[in-house]
Amino acid sequence: PNDYSEEAVRKAARNGQLIAIRDGNANLHFPVWQFGPLGGTLPGLKEVLAVLSHRPHADVLGTVTFFLNATSRLEGLSPLEALRKGDEKLVGQVKQLALEASE
């Protein structure tokens, strides 16, 4: 079974496997859209986050923007929408986009 304790989620964020946004009071928030309907992260999310972490000047805002902006490269879908479909081909295309964004 997957462990969804607060500590497990915080650890995943520290390890770059989840997006965590710190607010003005230093509280961490985890956008719900990065999780699948049955729990766990979306297919390919951890791999895409790993690639995006290598961008020069990588920051959480840039990462969120990458996931939420629709692109013609994904037939008008955002990378988030493409990952939600769970289609292996689309997940591969999102990973390719992340690689290009990291160059």
C-alpha atoms as a PDB file:
ATOM      1  CA  PRO A   1       0.000   0.000   0.000  1.00  0.00           C
ATOM      2  CA  ASN A   2       1.085   3.540  -0.689  1.00  0.00           C
ATOM      3  CA  ASP A   3       2.113   5.655   2.277  1.00  0.00           C
ATOM      4  CA  TYR A   4       0.375   9.026   2.296  1.00  0.00           C
ATOM      5  CA  SER A   5       1.446  10.209   5.717  1.00  0.00           C
ATOM      6  CA  GLU A   6       2.358  13.864   5.985  1.00  0.00           C
ATOM      7  CA  GLU A   7       6.003  12.880   6.464  1.00  0.00           C
ATOM      8  CA  ALA A   8       5.980  10.700   3.322  1.00  0.00           C
ATOM      9  CA  VAL A   9       4.529  13.562   1.269  1.00  0.00           C
ATOM     10  CA  ARG A  10       7.075  16.044   2.674  1.00  0.00           C
ATOM     11  CA  LYS A  11       9.917  13.617   1.967  1.00  0.00           C
ATOM     12  CA  ALA A  12       8.730  13.132  -1.623  1.00  0.00           C
ATOM     13  CA  ALA A  13       8.701  16.927  -2.037  1.00  0.00           C
ATOM     14  CA  ARG A  14      12.229  17.221  -0.592  1.00  0.00           C
ATOM     15  CA  ASN A  15      13.366  14.544  -3.044  1.00  0.00           C
ATOM     16  CA  GLY A  16      11.845  16.423  -5.977  1.00  0.00           C
ATOM     17  CA  GLN A  17       9.147  13.813  -6.594  1.00  0.00           C
ATOM     18  CA  LEU A  18       6.235  16.142  -5.789  1.00  0.00           C
ATOM     19  CA  ILE A  19       5.548  19.823  -6.307  1.00  0.00           C
ATOM     20  CA  ALA A  20       5.374  21.754  -3.039  1.00  0.00           C
ATOM     21  CA  ILE A  21       4.563  25.457  -2.888  1.00  0.00           C
ATOM     22  CA  ARG A  22       5.594  27.405   0.207  1.00  0.00           C
ATOM     23  CA  ASP A  23       3.232  30.212   1.222  1.00  0.00           C
ATOM     24  CA  GLY A  24       4.061  33.447   3.013  1.00  0.00           C
ATOM     25  CA  ASN A  25       3.797  31.699   6.399  1.00  0.00           C
ATOM     26  CA  ALA A  26       6.292  28.994   5.351  1.00  0.00           C
ATOM     27  CA  ASN A  27       3.519  26.367   5.107  1.00  0.00           C
ATOM     28  CA  LEU A  28       3.843  23.818   2.319  1.00  0.00           C
ATOM     29  CA  HIS A  29       0.973  23.244  -0.102  1.00  0.00           C
ATOM     30  CA  PHE A  30       0.799  20.345  -2.557  1.00  0.00           C
ATOM     31  CA  PRO A  31      -1.272  21.019  -5.695  1.00  0.00           C
ATOM     32  CA  VAL A  32      -3.944  18.337  -5.816  1.00  0.00           C
ATOM     33  CA  TRP A  33      -3.675  18.056  -9.605  1.00  0.00           C
ATOM     34  CA  GLN A  34      -0.397  16.130  -9.374  1.00  0.00           C
ATOM     35  CA  PHE A  35      -2.187  13.153  -7.807  1.00  0.00           C
ATOM     36  CA  GLY A  36      -4.177  10.507  -9.652  1.00  0.00           C
ATOM     37  CA  PRO A  37      -7.863   9.819  -8.937  1.00  0.00           C
ATOM     38  CA  LEU A  38      -6.986   6.635  -7.037  1.00  0.00           C
ATOM     39  CA  GLY A  39      -4.084   8.186  -5.135  1.00  0.00           C
ATOM     40  CA  GLY A  40      -0.427   8.192  -5.998  1.00  0.00           C
ATOM     41  CA  THR A  41       1.134  10.580  -8.466  1.00  0.00           C
ATOM     42  CA  LEU A  42       0.194  10.819 -12.128  1.00  0.00           C
ATOM     43  CA  PRO A  43       2.017   8.470 -14.522  1.00  0.00           C
ATOM     44  CA  GLY A  44       5.354   9.988 -15.493  1.00  0.00           C
ATOM     45  CA  LEU A  45       5.157  12.877 -12.985  1.00  0.00           C
ATOM     46  CA  LYS A  46       8.239  11.879 -10.973  1.00  0.00           C
ATOM     47  CA  GLU A  47      10.334  11.367 -14.121  1.00  0.00           C
ATOM     48  CA  VAL A  48       9.243  14.705 -15.601  1.00  0.00           C
ATOM     49  CA  LEU A  49       9.977  16.498 -12.303  1.00  0.00           C
ATOM     50  CA  ALA A  50      13.437  14.902 -12.235  1.00  0.00           C
ATOM     51  CA  VAL A  51      14.160  16.243 -15.733  1.00  0.00           C
ATOM     52  CA  LEU A  52      12.775  19.712 -14.958  1.00  0.00           C
ATOM     53  CA  SER A  53      14.915  19.957 -11.813  1.00  0.00           C
ATOM     54  CA  HIS A  54      18.000  20.130 -14.063  1.00  0.00           C
ATOM     55  CA  ARG A  55      16.896  23.361 -15.739  1.00  0.00           C
ATOM     56  CA  PRO A  56      19.094  26.352 -15.080  1.00  0.00           C
ATOM     57  CA  HIS A  57      17.304  28.560 -12.517  1.00  0.00           C
ATOM     58  CA  ALA A  58      14.651  25.857 -11.936  1.00  0.00           C
ATOM     59  CA  ASP A  59      11.949  27.048  -9.542  1.00  0.00           C
ATOM     60  CA  VAL A  60       8.508  25.895  -8.474  1.00  0.00           C
ATOM     61  CA  LEU A  61       6.692  28.598 -10.455  1.00  0.00           C
ATOM     62  CA  GLY A  62       8.435  27.562 -13.669  1.00  0.00           C
ATOM     63  CA  THR A  63       7.617  23.921 -12.959  1.00  0.00           C
ATOM     64  CA  VAL A  64       3.929  24.657 -12.326  1.00  0.00           C
ATOM     65  CA  THR A  65       3.819  26.788 -15.490  1.00  0.00           C
ATOM     66  CA  PHE A  66       5.334  23.918 -17.510  1.00  0.00           C
ATOM     67  CA  PHE A  67       2.577  21.536 -16.363  1.00  0.00           C
ATOM     68  CA  LEU A  68      -0.358  23.915 -16.813  1.00  0.00           C
ATOM     69  CA  ASN A  69       0.333  25.550 -20.200  1.00  0.00           C
ATOM     70  CA  ALA A  70      -1.331  23.912 -23.197  1.00  0.00           C
ATOM     71  CA  THR A  71       0.890  23.303 -26.211  1.00  0.00           C
ATOM     72  CA  SER A  72       0.380  22.357 -29.834  1.00  0.00           C
ATOM     73  CA  ARG A  73       3.131  19.760 -29.278  1.00  0.00           C
ATOM     74  CA  LEU A  74       0.616  17.773 -27.213  1.00  0.00           C
ATOM     75  CA  GLU A  75      -2.332  18.318 -29.578  1.00  0.00           C
ATOM     76  CA  GLY A  76      -3.462  21.342 -27.552  1.00  0.00           C
ATOM     77  CA  LEU A  77      -3.244  19.617 -24.175  1.00  0.00           C
ATOM     78  CA  SER A  78      -1.196  20.846 -21.247  1.00  0.00           C
ATOM     79  CA  PRO A  79       1.482  18.441 -19.966  1.00  0.00           C
ATOM     80  CA  LEU A  80      -0.780  17.905 -16.941  1.00  0.00           C
ATOM     81  CA  GLU A  81      -3.747  16.909 -19.119  1.00  0.00           C
ATOM     82  CA  ALA A  82      -1.490  14.624 -21.153  1.00  0.00           C
ATOM     83  CA  LEU A  83      -0.223  12.840 -18.018  1.00  0.00           C
ATOM     84  CA  ARG A  84      -3.794  12.479 -16.731  1.00  0.00           C
ATOM     85  CA  LYS A  85      -4.694  10.476 -19.829  1.00  0.00           C
ATOM     86  CA  GLY A  86      -2.096   7.932 -18.721  1.00  0.00           C
ATOM     87  CA  ASP A  87      -1.278   7.106 -22.337  1.00  0.00           C
ATOM     88  CA  GLU A  88       2.322   5.895 -22.656  1.00  0.00           C
ATOM     89  CA  LYS A  89       2.888   7.800 -25.899  1.00  0.00           C
ATOM     90  CA  LEU A  90       1.652  11.074 -24.366  1.00  0.00           C
ATOM     91  CA  VAL A  91       3.729  10.515 -21.211  1.00  0.00           C
ATOM     92  CA  GLY A  92       6.770  10.060 -23.472  1.00  0.00           C
ATOM     93  CA  GLN A  93       5.965  13.296 -25.305  1.00  0.00           C
ATOM     94  CA  VAL A  94       5.727  15.177 -21.998  1.00  0.00           C
ATOM     95  CA  LYS A  95       9.131  13.785 -20.964  1.00  0.00           C
ATOM     96  CA  GLN A  96      10.562  14.950 -24.315  1.00  0.00           C
ATOM     97  CA  LEU A  97       9.121  18.446 -23.789  1.00  0.00           C
ATOM     98  CA  ALA A  98      10.664  18.532 -20.305  1.00  0.00           C
ATOM     99  CA  LEU A  99      14.057  17.542 -21.750  1.00  0.00           C
ATOM    100  CA  GLU A 100      13.844  20.352 -24.287  1.00  0.00           C
ATOM    101  CA  ALA A 101      12.814  22.829 -21.579  1.00  0.00           C
ATOM    102  CA  SER A 102      15.911  21.805 -19.621  1.00  0.00           C
ATOM    103  CA  GLU A 103      18.432  22.462 -22.379  1.00  0.00           C
END
